[in-house]
């Protein structure tokens, strides 16, 4: 299976920025993306990037503030988070889609360990 290791989480003030990284290894994949989960809430889609073509998709709640990007040579995906809000507070998980371009929840077959993002007001 693909192995995923996230880094870059932390504590930031509202309006600030963080950059998350996810390094993938172990086998090929079609797309890498990010999900997040707050306490008592369902894990929700954040962003996805197709590895070969670079097509991106975003949740409406983060569109315009977050940017997903990739470094194909490093098998690494990034999530640049700007204009952070307290409601962005969650554990963020890297996710691998082995076949698709949009990181549909039903297509995810591997999760990272998660990294905590906390946005204070």
PDB file of N, CA and C in Angstrom:
ATOM      1  N   UNK A   1       0.822  -1.206   0.000  1.00  0.00           N
ATOM      2  CA  UNK A   1       0.000   0.000   0.000  1.00  0.00           C
ATOM      3  C   UNK A   1       0.858   1.259   0.000  1.00  0.00           C
ATOM      4  N   UNK A   2       0.244   2.363  -0.397  1.00  0.00           N
ATOM      5  CA  UNK A   2       0.869   3.662  -0.271  1.00  0.00           C
ATOM      6  C   UNK A   2       1.002   4.000   1.210  1.00  0.00           C
ATOM      7  N   UNK A   3       2.154   4.547   1.586  1.00  0.00           N
ATOM      8  CA  UNK A   3       2.367   5.062   2.923  1.00  0.00           C
ATOM      9  C   UNK A   3       2.378   6.588   2.864  1.00  0.00           C
ATOM     10  N   UNK A   4       1.688   7.227   3.796  1.00  0.00           N
ATOM     11  CA  UNK A   4       1.528   8.674   3.798  1.00  0.00           C
ATOM     12  C   UNK A   4       1.948   9.238   5.143  1.00  0.00           C
ATOM     13  N   UNK A   5       2.782  10.276   5.117  1.00  0.00           N
ATOM     14  CA  UNK A   5       3.269  10.912   6.336  1.00  0.00           C
ATOM     15  C   UNK A   5       3.060  12.412   6.224  1.00  0.00           C
ATOM     16  N   UNK A   6       2.195  12.960   7.093  1.00  0.00           N
ATOM     17  CA  UNK A   6       1.914  14.393   7.105  1.00  0.00           C
ATOM     18  C   UNK A   6       2.839  15.128   8.060  1.00  0.00           C
ATOM     19  N   UNK A   7       3.016  16.419   7.786  1.00  0.00           N
ATOM     20  CA  UNK A   7       3.725  17.301   8.688  1.00  0.00           C
ATOM     21  C   UNK A   7       3.254  18.728   8.446  1.00  0.00           C
ATOM     22  N   UNK A   8       3.559  19.618   9.386  1.00  0.00           N
ATOM     23  CA  UNK A   8       3.288  21.032   9.200  1.00  0.00           C
ATOM     24  C   UNK A   8       2.152  21.606  10.017  1.00  0.00           C
ATOM     25  N   UNK A   9       1.448  20.783  10.758  1.00  0.00           N
ATOM     26  CA  UNK A   9       0.375  21.295  11.589  1.00  0.00           C
ATOM     27  C   UNK A   9       0.904  22.121  12.745  1.00  0.00           C
ATOM     28  N   UNK A  10      -0.003  22.839  13.390  1.00  0.00           N
ATOM     29  CA  UNK A  10       0.384  23.658  14.522  1.00  0.00           C
ATOM     30  C   UNK A  10      -0.708  24.607  14.928  1.00  0.00           C
ATOM     31  N   UNK A  11      -0.332  25.565  15.757  1.00  0.00           N
ATOM     32  CA  UNK A  11      -1.237  26.583  16.282  1.00  0.00           C
ATOM     33  C   UNK A  11      -0.965  27.905  15.584  1.00  0.00           C
ATOM     34  N   UNK A  12      -2.021  28.546  15.113  1.00  0.00           N
ATOM     35  CA  UNK A  12      -1.881  29.812  14.403  1.00  0.00           C
ATOM     36  C   UNK A  12      -3.067  30.710  14.742  1.00  0.00           C
ATOM     37  N   UNK A  13      -2.847  32.012  14.704  1.00  0.00           N
ATOM     38  CA  UNK A  13      -3.926  32.969  14.933  1.00  0.00           C
ATOM     39  C   UNK A  13      -4.826  33.068  13.711  1.00  0.00           C
ATOM     40  N   UNK A  14      -6.078  33.416  13.948  1.00  0.00           N
ATOM     41  CA  UNK A  14      -6.989  33.670  12.839  1.00  0.00           C
ATOM     42  C   UNK A  14      -6.385  34.691  11.882  1.00  0.00           C
ATOM     43  N   UNK A  15      -6.516  34.412  10.595  1.00  0.00           N
ATOM     44  CA  UNK A  15      -5.922  35.252   9.576  1.00  0.00           C
ATOM     45  C   UNK A  15      -4.531  34.834   9.161  1.00  0.00           C
ATOM     46  N   UNK A  16      -3.935  33.930   9.899  1.00  0.00           N
ATOM     47  CA  UNK A  16      -2.593  33.472   9.604  1.00  0.00           C
ATOM     48  C   UNK A  16      -2.563  32.345   8.590  1.00  0.00           C
ATOM     49  N   UNK A  17      -1.372  31.773   8.403  1.00  0.00           N
ATOM     50  CA  UNK A  17      -1.149  30.760   7.379  1.00  0.00           C
ATOM     51  C   UNK A  17      -0.370  29.581   7.926  1.00  0.00           C
ATOM     52  N   UNK A  18      -0.611  28.419   7.341  1.00  0.00           N
ATOM     53  CA  UNK A  18       0.166  27.214   7.577  1.00  0.00           C
ATOM     54  C   UNK A  18       0.329  26.481   6.262  1.00  0.00           C
ATOM     55  N   UNK A  19       1.402  25.704   6.172  1.00  0.00           N
ATOM     56  CA  UNK A  19       1.652  24.873   5.007  1.00  0.00           C
ATOM     57  C   UNK A  19       1.828  23.428   5.460  1.00  0.00           C
ATOM     58  N   UNK A  20       0.944  22.558   5.017  1.00  0.00           N
ATOM     59  CA  UNK A  20       1.014  21.146   5.333  1.00  0.00           C
ATOM     60  C   UNK A  20       1.717  20.400   4.204  1.00  0.00           C
ATOM     61  N   UNK A  21       2.446  19.351   4.572  1.00  0.00           N
ATOM     62  CA  UNK A  21       3.114  18.493   3.606  1.00  0.00           C
ATOM     63  C   UNK A  21       2.709  17.050   3.839  1.00  0.00           C
ATOM     64  N   UNK A  22       2.687  16.274   2.774  1.00  0.00           N
ATOM     65  CA  UNK A  22       2.417  14.849   2.853  1.00  0.00           C
ATOM     66  C   UNK A  22       3.333  14.132   1.881  1.00  0.00           C
ATOM     67  N   UNK A  23       4.209  13.301   2.414  1.00  0.00           N
ATOM     68  CA  UNK A  23       5.135  12.518   1.605  1.00  0.00           C
ATOM     69  C   UNK A  23       4.577  11.113   1.411  1.00  0.00           C
ATOM     70  N   UNK A  24       4.501  10.682   0.158  1.00  0.00           N
ATOM     71  CA  UNK A  24       3.939   9.387  -0.187  1.00  0.00           C
ATOM     72  C   UNK A  24       5.029   8.434  -0.652  1.00  0.00           C
ATOM     73  N   UNK A  25       4.880   7.172  -0.294  1.00  0.00           N
ATOM     74  CA  UNK A  25       5.801   6.137  -0.739  1.00  0.00           C
ATOM     75  C   UNK A  25       5.080   4.794  -0.744  1.00  0.00           C
ATOM     76  N   UNK A  26       5.686   3.807  -1.397  1.00  0.00           N
ATOM     77  CA  UNK A  26       5.171   2.445  -1.328  1.00  0.00           C
ATOM     78  C   UNK A  26       4.599   1.897  -2.624  1.00  0.00           C
ATOM     79  N   UNK A  27       3.873   2.709  -3.355  1.00  0.00           N
ATOM     80  CA  UNK A  27       3.357   2.317  -4.660  1.00  0.00           C
ATOM     81  C   UNK A  27       2.730   3.505  -5.360  1.00  0.00           C
ATOM     82  N   UNK A  28       2.279   3.276  -6.573  1.00  0.00           N
ATOM     83  CA  UNK A  28       1.700   4.348  -7.372  1.00  0.00           C
ATOM     84  C   UNK A  28       0.295   4.713  -6.887  1.00  0.00           C
ATOM     85  N   UNK A  29      -0.154   5.890  -7.294  1.00  0.00           N
ATOM     86  CA  UNK A  29      -1.480   6.385  -6.968  1.00  0.00           C
ATOM     87  C   UNK A  29      -1.927   7.323  -8.079  1.00  0.00           C
ATOM     88  N   UNK A  30      -3.212   7.578  -8.149  1.00  0.00           N
ATOM     89  CA  UNK A  30      -3.749   8.485  -9.150  1.00  0.00           C
ATOM     90  C   UNK A  30      -3.808   9.925  -8.655  1.00  0.00           C
ATOM     91  N   UNK A  31      -4.269  10.108  -7.417  1.00  0.00           N
ATOM     92  CA  UNK A  31      -4.422  11.439  -6.835  1.00  0.00           C
ATOM     93  C   UNK A  31      -4.103  11.402  -5.353  1.00  0.00           C
ATOM     94  N   UNK A  32      -3.669  12.540  -4.835  1.00  0.00           N
ATOM     95  CA  UNK A  32      -3.504  12.733  -3.401  1.00  0.00           C
ATOM     96  C   UNK A  32      -4.355  13.918  -2.970  1.00  0.00           C
ATOM     97  N   UNK A  33      -4.884  13.829  -1.762  1.00  0.00           N
ATOM     98  CA  UNK A  33      -5.724  14.904  -1.285  1.00  0.00           C
ATOM     99  C   UNK A  33      -5.668  15.067   0.212  1.00  0.00           C
ATOM    100  N   UNK A  34      -6.484  15.998   0.675  1.00  0.00           N
ATOM    101  CA  UNK A  34      -6.581  16.316   2.085  1.00  0.00           C
ATOM    102  C   UNK A  34      -8.026  16.271   2.553  1.00  0.00           C
ATOM    103  N   UNK A  35      -8.234  15.656   3.707  1.00  0.00           N
ATOM    104  CA  UNK A  35      -9.490  15.682   4.429  1.00  0.00           C
ATOM    105  C   UNK A  35      -9.234  16.250   5.815  1.00  0.00           C
ATOM    106  N   UNK A  36     -10.298  16.619   6.514  1.00  0.00           N
ATOM    107  CA  UNK A  36     -10.148  17.085   7.888  1.00  0.00           C
ATOM    108  C   UNK A  36     -11.315  16.604   8.735  1.00  0.00           C
ATOM    109  N   UNK A  37     -11.065  16.518  10.028  1.00  0.00           N
ATOM    110  CA  UNK A  37     -12.082  16.041  10.947  1.00  0.00           C
ATOM    111  C   UNK A  37     -11.963  16.784  12.271  1.00  0.00           C
ATOM    112  N   UNK A  38     -13.029  17.466  12.646  1.00  0.00           N
ATOM    113  CA  UNK A  38     -13.128  18.127  13.935  1.00  0.00           C
ATOM    114  C   UNK A  38     -13.804  17.186  14.926  1.00  0.00           C
ATOM    115  N   UNK A  39     -13.582  17.386  16.238  1.00  0.00           N
ATOM    116  CA  UNK A  39     -14.209  16.512  17.232  1.00  0.00           C
ATOM    117  C   UNK A  39     -15.718  16.452  17.071  1.00  0.00           C
ATOM    118  N   UNK A  40     -16.261  15.242  17.060  1.00  0.00           N
ATOM    119  CA  UNK A  40     -17.695  15.049  16.938  1.00  0.00           C
ATOM    120  C   UNK A  40     -18.250  15.248  15.551  1.00  0.00           C
ATOM    121  N   UNK A  41     -17.391  15.490  14.572  1.00  0.00           N
ATOM    122  CA  UNK A  41     -17.831  15.748  13.210  1.00  0.00           C
ATOM    123  C   UNK A  41     -17.349  14.651  12.269  1.00  0.00           C
ATOM    124  N   UNK A  42     -18.027  14.557  11.143  1.00  0.00           N
ATOM    125  CA  UNK A  42     -17.633  13.614  10.107  1.00  0.00           C
ATOM    126  C   UNK A  42     -16.375  14.114   9.399  1.00  0.00           C
ATOM    127  N   UNK A  43     -15.551  13.182   8.969  1.00  0.00           N
ATOM    128  CA  UNK A  43     -14.391  13.558   8.174  1.00  0.00           C
ATOM    129  C   UNK A  43     -14.854  14.130   6.834  1.00  0.00           C
ATOM    130  N   UNK A  44     -14.342  15.312   6.483  1.00  0.00           N
ATOM    131  CA  UNK A  44     -14.814  15.998   5.294  1.00  0.00           C
ATOM    132  C   UNK A  44     -13.685  16.280   4.312  1.00  0.00           C
ATOM    133  N   UNK A  45     -14.055  16.296   3.063  1.00  0.00           N
ATOM    134  CA  UNK A  45     -13.128  16.584   1.978  1.00  0.00           C
ATOM    135  C   UNK A  45     -12.664  18.028   2.027  1.00  0.00           C
ATOM    136  N   UNK A  46     -11.378  18.249   1.740  1.00  0.00           N
ATOM    137  CA  UNK A  46     -10.811  19.590   1.691  1.00  0.00           C
ATOM    138  C   UNK A  46     -10.302  19.926   0.293  1.00  0.00           C
ATOM    139  N   UNK A  47      -9.406  19.102  -0.242  1.00  0.00           N
ATOM    140  CA  UNK A  47      -8.790  19.399  -1.534  1.00  0.00           C
ATOM    141  C   UNK A  47      -8.187  18.140  -2.124  1.00  0.00           C
ATOM    142  N   UNK A  48      -8.003  18.144  -3.442  1.00  0.00           N
ATOM    143  CA  UNK A  48      -7.442  16.992  -4.149  1.00  0.00           C
ATOM    144  C   UNK A  48      -6.645  17.476  -5.346  1.00  0.00           C
ATOM    145  N   UNK A  49      -5.612  16.731  -5.692  1.00  0.00           N
ATOM    146  CA  UNK A  49      -4.849  17.021  -6.898  1.00  0.00           C
ATOM    147  C   UNK A  49      -4.534  15.721  -7.626  1.00  0.00           C
ATOM    148  N   UNK A  50      -4.833  15.699  -8.921  1.00  0.00           N
ATOM    149  CA  UNK A  50      -4.484  14.567  -9.758  1.00  0.00           C
ATOM    150  C   UNK A  50      -2.992  14.608 -10.050  1.00  0.00           C
ATOM    151  N   UNK A  51      -2.321  13.446  -9.919  1.00  0.00           N
ATOM    152  CA  UNK A  51      -0.873  13.448  -9.970  1.00  0.00           C
ATOM    153  C   UNK A  51      -0.300  13.684 -11.353  1.00  0.00           C
ATOM    154  N   UNK A  52      -0.893  13.101 -12.351  1.00  0.00           N
ATOM    155  CA  UNK A  52      -0.344  13.224 -13.696  1.00  0.00           C
ATOM    156  C   UNK A  52      -0.699  14.551 -14.358  1.00  0.00           C
ATOM    157  N   UNK A  53      -1.953  14.972 -14.241  1.00  0.00           N
ATOM    158  CA  UNK A  53      -2.393  16.173 -14.931  1.00  0.00           C
ATOM    159  C   UNK A  53      -2.449  17.435 -14.088  1.00  0.00           C
ATOM    160  N   UNK A  54      -2.449  17.291 -12.762  1.00  0.00           N
ATOM    161  CA  UNK A  54      -2.470  18.445 -11.885  1.00  0.00           C
ATOM    162  C   UNK A  54      -3.833  19.071 -11.671  1.00  0.00           C
ATOM    163  N   UNK A  55      -4.898  18.426 -12.128  1.00  0.00           N
ATOM    164  CA  UNK A  55      -6.234  18.959 -11.898  1.00  0.00           C
ATOM    165  C   UNK A  55      -6.512  19.024 -10.406  1.00  0.00           C
ATOM    166  N   UNK A  56      -7.077  20.131  -9.954  1.00  0.00           N
ATOM    167  CA  UNK A  56      -7.356  20.337  -8.541  1.00  0.00           C
ATOM    168  C   UNK A  56      -8.845  20.492  -8.292  1.00  0.00           C
ATOM    169  N   UNK A  57      -9.254  20.160  -7.081  1.00  0.00           N
ATOM    170  CA  UNK A  57     -10.618  20.385  -6.642  1.00  0.00           C
ATOM    171  C   UNK A  57     -10.590  20.761  -5.170  1.00  0.00           C
ATOM    172  N   UNK A  58     -11.590  21.556  -4.752  1.00  0.00           N
ATOM    173  CA  UNK A  58     -11.632  22.084  -3.402  1.00  0.00           C
ATOM    174  C   UNK A  58     -13.039  22.048  -2.849  1.00  0.00           C
ATOM    175  N   UNK A  59     -13.123  21.914  -1.535  1.00  0.00           N
ATOM    176  CA  UNK A  59     -14.385  22.132  -0.862  1.00  0.00           C
ATOM    177  C   UNK A  59     -14.745  23.609  -0.926  1.00  0.00           C
ATOM    178  N   UNK A  60     -16.040  23.897  -0.995  1.00  0.00           N
ATOM    179  CA  UNK A  60     -16.478  25.287  -1.060  1.00  0.00           C
ATOM    180  C   UNK A  60     -15.987  26.105   0.138  1.00  0.00           C
ATOM    181  N   UNK A  61     -15.866  25.471   1.285  1.00  0.00           N
ATOM    182  CA  UNK A  61     -15.497  26.173   2.502  1.00  0.00           C
ATOM    183  C   UNK A  61     -14.058  26.688   2.495  1.00  0.00           C
ATOM    184  N   UNK A  62     -13.208  26.143   1.626  1.00  0.00           N
ATOM    185  CA  UNK A  62     -11.806  26.545   1.598  1.00  0.00           C
ATOM    186  C   UNK A  62     -11.386  27.162   0.274  1.00  0.00           C
ATOM    187  N   UNK A  63     -12.225  27.089  -0.726  1.00  0.00           N
ATOM    188  CA  UNK A  63     -11.877  27.601  -2.046  1.00  0.00           C
ATOM    189  C   UNK A  63     -11.542  29.092  -1.966  1.00  0.00           C
ATOM    190  N   UNK A  64     -10.418  29.467  -2.559  1.00  0.00           N
ATOM    191  CA  UNK A  64      -9.957  30.835  -2.511  1.00  0.00           C
ATOM    192  C   UNK A  64      -9.005  31.125  -1.378  1.00  0.00           C
ATOM    193  N   UNK A  65      -8.964  30.267  -0.376  1.00  0.00           N
ATOM    194  CA  UNK A  65      -8.064  30.427   0.760  1.00  0.00           C
ATOM    195  C   UNK A  65      -6.957  29.375   0.791  1.00  0.00           C
ATOM    196  N   UNK A  66      -7.292  28.155   0.389  1.00  0.00           N
ATOM    197  CA  UNK A  66      -6.335  27.051   0.410  1.00  0.00           C
ATOM    198  C   UNK A  66      -5.885  26.732  -1.010  1.00  0.00           C
ATOM    199  N   UNK A  67      -4.640  26.298  -1.143  1.00  0.00           N
ATOM    200  CA  UNK A  67      -4.105  25.887  -2.430  1.00  0.00           C
ATOM    201  C   UNK A  67      -3.385  24.558  -2.274  1.00  0.00           C
ATOM    202  N   UNK A  68      -3.772  23.574  -3.078  1.00  0.00           N
ATOM    203  CA  UNK A  68      -3.093  22.288  -3.080  1.00  0.00           C
ATOM    204  C   UNK A  68      -2.105  22.260  -4.244  1.00  0.00           C
ATOM    205  N   UNK A  69      -0.943  21.689  -4.016  1.00  0.00           N
ATOM    206  CA  UNK A  69       0.070  21.586  -5.051  1.00  0.00           C
ATOM    207  C   UNK A  69       0.852  20.292  -4.863  1.00  0.00           C
ATOM    208  N   UNK A  70       1.679  19.970  -5.838  1.00  0.00           N
ATOM    209  CA  UNK A  70       2.423  18.723  -5.789  1.00  0.00           C
ATOM    210  C   UNK A  70       3.839  18.909  -6.283  1.00  0.00           C
ATOM    211  N   UNK A  71       4.723  18.036  -5.832  1.00  0.00           N
ATOM    212  CA  UNK A  71       6.063  17.893  -6.363  1.00  0.00           C
ATOM    213  C   UNK A  71       6.181  16.436  -6.787  1.00  0.00           C
ATOM    214  N   UNK A  72       6.033  16.181  -8.081  1.00  0.00           N
ATOM    215  CA  UNK A  72       5.996  14.809  -8.574  1.00  0.00           C
ATOM    216  C   UNK A  72       7.296  14.057  -8.281  1.00  0.00           C
ATOM    217  N   UNK A  73       8.423  14.745  -8.407  1.00  0.00           N
ATOM    218  CA  UNK A  73       9.709  14.098  -8.180  1.00  0.00           C
ATOM    219  C   UNK A  73       9.868  13.632  -6.744  1.00  0.00           C
ATOM    220  N   UNK A  74       9.260  14.348  -5.814  1.00  0.00           N
ATOM    221  CA  UNK A  74       9.346  14.012  -4.395  1.00  0.00           C
ATOM    222  C   UNK A  74       8.158  13.193  -3.902  1.00  0.00           C
ATOM    223  N   UNK A  75       7.178  12.939  -4.774  1.00  0.00           N
ATOM    224  CA  UNK A  75       5.940  12.273  -4.354  1.00  0.00           C
ATOM    225  C   UNK A  75       5.352  12.943  -3.112  1.00  0.00           C
ATOM    226  N   UNK A  76       5.300  14.259  -3.153  1.00  0.00           N
ATOM    227  CA  UNK A  76       4.843  15.042  -2.017  1.00  0.00           C
ATOM    228  C   UNK A  76       3.738  15.997  -2.440  1.00  0.00           C
ATOM    229  N   UNK A  77       2.707  16.071  -1.623  1.00  0.00           N
ATOM    230  CA  UNK A  77       1.612  17.005  -1.837  1.00  0.00           C
ATOM    231  C   UNK A  77       1.618  18.027  -0.710  1.00  0.00           C
ATOM    232  N   UNK A  78       1.260  19.266  -1.039  1.00  0.00           N
ATOM    233  CA  UNK A  78       1.253  20.353  -0.079  1.00  0.00           C
ATOM    234  C   UNK A  78      -0.138  20.970  -0.003  1.00  0.00           C
ATOM    235  N   UNK A  79      -0.444  21.536   1.139  1.00  0.00           N
ATOM    236  CA  UNK A  79      -1.657  22.318   1.298  1.00  0.00           C
ATOM    237  C   UNK A  79      -1.277  23.643   1.939  1.00  0.00           C
ATOM    238  N   UNK A  80      -1.289  24.693   1.137  1.00  0.00           N
ATOM    239  CA  UNK A  80      -1.040  26.037   1.631  1.00  0.00           C
ATOM    240  C   UNK A  80      -2.360  26.613   2.118  1.00  0.00           C
ATOM    241  N   UNK A  81      -2.432  26.935   3.395  1.00  0.00           N
ATOM    242  CA  UNK A  81      -3.655  27.415   4.019  1.00  0.00           C
ATOM    243  C   UNK A  81      -3.452  28.865   4.438  1.00  0.00           C
ATOM    244  N   UNK A  82      -4.182  29.764   3.810  1.00  0.00           N
ATOM    245  CA  UNK A  82      -4.126  31.184   4.114  1.00  0.00           C
ATOM    246  C   UNK A  82      -5.455  31.650   4.687  1.00  0.00           C
ATOM    247  N   UNK A  83      -5.432  32.822   5.308  1.00  0.00           N
ATOM    248  CA  UNK A  83      -6.644  33.417   5.885  1.00  0.00           C
ATOM    249  C   UNK A  83      -7.389  32.418   6.758  1.00  0.00           C
ATOM    250  N   UNK A  84      -6.656  31.765   7.623  1.00  0.00           N
ATOM    251  CA  UNK A  84      -7.244  30.707   8.441  1.00  0.00           C
ATOM    252  C   UNK A  84      -8.281  31.258   9.407  1.00  0.00           C
ATOM    253  N   UNK A  85      -9.307  30.457   9.630  1.00  0.00           N
ATOM    254  CA  UNK A  85     -10.415  30.793  10.515  1.00  0.00           C
ATOM    255  C   UNK A  85     -10.505  29.765  11.631  1.00  0.00           C
ATOM    256  N   UNK A  86     -11.082  30.132  12.776  1.00  0.00           N
ATOM    257  CA  UNK A  86     -11.241  29.144  13.848  1.00  0.00           C
ATOM    258  C   UNK A  86     -11.980  27.889  13.395  1.00  0.00           C
ATOM    259  N   UNK A  87     -12.918  28.013  12.481  1.00  0.00           N
ATOM    260  CA  UNK A  87     -13.649  26.845  12.005  1.00  0.00           C
ATOM    261  C   UNK A  87     -12.809  25.906  11.143  1.00  0.00           C
ATOM    262  N   UNK A  88     -11.590  26.310  10.801  1.00  0.00           N
ATOM    263  CA  UNK A  88     -10.662  25.414  10.125  1.00  0.00           C
ATOM    264  C   UNK A  88      -9.962  24.467  11.092  1.00  0.00           C
ATOM    265  N   UNK A  89     -10.144  24.670  12.381  1.00  0.00           N
ATOM    266  CA  UNK A  89      -9.514  23.817  13.380  1.00  0.00           C
ATOM    267  C   UNK A  89      -9.981  22.377  13.225  1.00  0.00           C
ATOM    268  N   UNK A  90      -9.036  21.457  13.071  1.00  0.00           N
ATOM    269  CA  UNK A  90      -9.348  20.050  12.853  1.00  0.00           C
ATOM    270  C   UNK A  90      -8.046  19.270  12.764  1.00  0.00           C
ATOM    271  N   UNK A  91      -8.176  17.948  12.773  1.00  0.00           N
ATOM    272  CA  UNK A  91      -7.073  17.094  12.375  1.00  0.00           C
ATOM    273  C   UNK A  91      -7.137  16.939  10.862  1.00  0.00           C
ATOM    274  N   UNK A  92      -6.040  17.212  10.203  1.00  0.00           N
ATOM    275  CA  UNK A  92      -5.962  17.128   8.751  1.00  0.00           C
ATOM    276  C   UNK A  92      -5.263  15.847   8.348  1.00  0.00           C
ATOM    277  N   UNK A  93      -5.885  15.123   7.412  1.00  0.00           N
ATOM    278  CA  UNK A  93      -5.394  13.832   6.968  1.00  0.00           C
ATOM    279  C   UNK A  93      -5.060  13.859   5.485  1.00  0.00           C
ATOM    280  N   UNK A  94      -3.895  13.393   5.143  1.00  0.00           N
ATOM    281  CA  UNK A  94      -3.553  13.128   3.763  1.00  0.00           C
ATOM    282  C   UNK A  94      -4.246  11.842   3.318  1.00  0.00           C
ATOM    283  N   UNK A  95      -4.639  11.767   2.046  1.00  0.00           N
ATOM    284  CA  UNK A  95      -5.395  10.628   1.545  1.00  0.00           C
ATOM    285  C   UNK A  95      -4.991  10.302   0.116  1.00  0.00           C
ATOM    286  N   UNK A  96      -4.950   9.012  -0.194  1.00  0.00           N
ATOM    287  CA  UNK A  96      -4.580   8.531  -1.525  1.00  0.00           C
ATOM    288  C   UNK A  96      -5.781   7.942  -2.242  1.00  0.00           C
ATOM    289  N   UNK A  97      -5.989   8.383  -3.475  1.00  0.00           N
ATOM    290  CA  UNK A  97      -6.997   7.833  -4.369  1.00  0.00           C
ATOM    291  C   UNK A  97      -6.252   7.031  -5.423  1.00  0.00           C
ATOM    292  N   UNK A  98      -6.407   5.713  -5.451  1.00  0.00           N
ATOM    293  CA  UNK A  98      -5.599   4.905  -6.372  1.00  0.00           C
ATOM    294  C   UNK A  98      -6.005   4.986  -7.826  1.00  0.00           C
ATOM    295  N   UNK A  99      -7.230   5.426  -8.119  1.00  0.00           N
ATOM    296  CA  UNK A  99      -7.735   5.348  -9.488  1.00  0.00           C
ATOM    297  C   UNK A  99      -8.335   6.627 -10.038  1.00  0.00           C
ATOM    298  N   UNK A 100      -8.840   7.513  -9.187  1.00  0.00           N
ATOM    299  CA  UNK A 100      -9.590   8.662  -9.652  1.00  0.00           C
ATOM    300  C   UNK A 100      -8.822   9.965  -9.606  1.00  0.00           C
ATOM    301  N   UNK A 101      -9.512  11.035  -9.988  1.00  0.00           N
ATOM    302  CA  UNK A 101      -8.924  12.368 -10.062  1.00  0.00           C
ATOM    303  C   UNK A 101      -9.460  13.316  -9.011  1.00  0.00           C
ATOM    304  N   UNK A 102     -10.435  12.892  -8.209  1.00  0.00           N
ATOM    305  CA  UNK A 102     -11.158  13.825  -7.359  1.00  0.00           C
ATOM    306  C   UNK A 102     -11.204  13.449  -5.890  1.00  0.00           C
ATOM    307  N   UNK A 103     -10.482  12.423  -5.489  1.00  0.00           N
ATOM    308  CA  UNK A 103     -10.419  12.008  -4.089  1.00  0.00           C
ATOM    309  C   UNK A 103     -11.810  11.815  -3.502  1.00  0.00           C
ATOM    310  N   UNK A 104     -12.660  11.140  -4.224  1.00  0.00           N
ATOM    311  CA  UNK A 104     -13.963  10.781  -3.677  1.00  0.00           C
ATOM    312  C   UNK A 104     -13.757   9.911  -2.441  1.00  0.00           C
ATOM    313  N   UNK A 105     -14.538  10.166  -1.409  1.00  0.00           N
ATOM    314  CA  UNK A 105     -14.375   9.443  -0.157  1.00  0.00           C
ATOM    315  C   UNK A 105     -14.412   7.935  -0.360  1.00  0.00           C
ATOM    316  N   UNK A 106     -15.286   7.471  -1.232  1.00  0.00           N
ATOM    317  CA  UNK A 106     -15.415   6.046  -1.475  1.00  0.00           C
ATOM    318  C   UNK A 106     -14.215   5.463  -2.206  1.00  0.00           C
ATOM    319  N   UNK A 107     -13.376   6.311  -2.782  1.00  0.00           N
ATOM    320  CA  UNK A 107     -12.214   5.850  -3.529  1.00  0.00           C
ATOM    321  C   UNK A 107     -10.934   5.830  -2.705  1.00  0.00           C
ATOM    322  N   UNK A 108     -10.920   6.498  -1.562  1.00  0.00           N
ATOM    323  CA  UNK A 108      -9.714   6.586  -0.745  1.00  0.00           C
ATOM    324  C   UNK A 108      -9.376   5.214  -0.183  1.00  0.00           C
ATOM    325  N   UNK A 109      -8.120   4.804  -0.349  1.00  0.00           N
ATOM    326  CA  UNK A 109      -7.706   3.506   0.175  1.00  0.00           C
ATOM    327  C   UNK A 109      -6.555   3.582   1.169  1.00  0.00           C
ATOM    328  N   UNK A 110      -6.082   4.796   1.478  1.00  0.00           N
ATOM    329  CA  UNK A 110      -5.001   4.943   2.437  1.00  0.00           C
ATOM    330  C   UNK A 110      -5.057   6.328   3.065  1.00  0.00           C
ATOM    331  N   UNK A 111      -4.868   6.373   4.384  1.00  0.00           N
ATOM    332  CA  UNK A 111      -4.868   7.614   5.141  1.00  0.00           C
ATOM    333  C   UNK A 111      -3.543   7.807   5.854  1.00  0.00           C
ATOM    334  N   UNK A 112      -3.120   9.064   5.957  1.00  0.00           N
ATOM    335  CA  UNK A 112      -2.006   9.391   6.821  1.00  0.00           C
ATOM    336  C   UNK A 112      -2.432   9.379   8.272  1.00  0.00           C
ATOM    337  N   UNK A 113      -1.491   9.645   9.158  1.00  0.00           N
ATOM    338  CA  UNK A 113      -1.762   9.577  10.593  1.00  0.00           C
ATOM    339  C   UNK A 113      -2.494  10.812  11.120  1.00  0.00           C
ATOM    340  N   UNK A 114      -2.505  11.874  10.364  1.00  0.00           N
ATOM    341  CA  UNK A 114      -3.164  13.104  10.761  1.00  0.00           C
ATOM    342  C   UNK A 114      -2.222  14.092  11.415  1.00  0.00           C
ATOM    343  N   UNK A 115      -2.493  15.378  11.197  1.00  0.00           N
ATOM    344  CA  UNK A 115      -1.742  16.438  11.847  1.00  0.00           C
ATOM    345  C   UNK A 115      -2.726  17.505  12.327  1.00  0.00           C
ATOM    346  N   UNK A 116      -2.551  17.953  13.559  1.00  0.00           N
ATOM    347  CA  UNK A 116      -3.493  18.876  14.180  1.00  0.00           C
ATOM    348  C   UNK A 116      -3.250  20.300  13.706  1.00  0.00           C
ATOM    349  N   UNK A 117      -4.318  20.960  13.287  1.00  0.00           N
ATOM    350  CA  UNK A 117      -4.304  22.384  12.967  1.00  0.00           C
ATOM    351  C   UNK A 117      -5.273  23.077  13.908  1.00  0.00           C
ATOM    352  N   UNK A 118      -4.773  24.034  14.667  1.00  0.00           N
ATOM    353  CA  UNK A 118      -5.600  24.785  15.603  1.00  0.00           C
ATOM    354  C   UNK A 118      -5.491  26.268  15.280  1.00  0.00           C
ATOM    355  N   UNK A 119      -6.628  26.899  15.062  1.00  0.00           N
ATOM    356  CA  UNK A 119      -6.685  28.322  14.731  1.00  0.00           C
ATOM    357  C   UNK A 119      -7.367  29.041  15.874  1.00  0.00           C
ATOM    358  N   UNK A 120      -6.650  29.942  16.513  1.00  0.00           N
ATOM    359  CA  UNK A 120      -7.174  30.678  17.653  1.00  0.00           C
ATOM    360  C   UNK A 120      -7.765  32.002  17.206  1.00  0.00           C
ATOM    361  N   UNK A 121      -8.718  32.495  17.982  1.00  0.00           N
ATOM    362  CA  UNK A 121      -9.355  33.774  17.697  1.00  0.00           C
ATOM    363  C   UNK A 121      -8.812  34.889  18.558  1.00  0.00           C
TER     364      UNK A 121
END
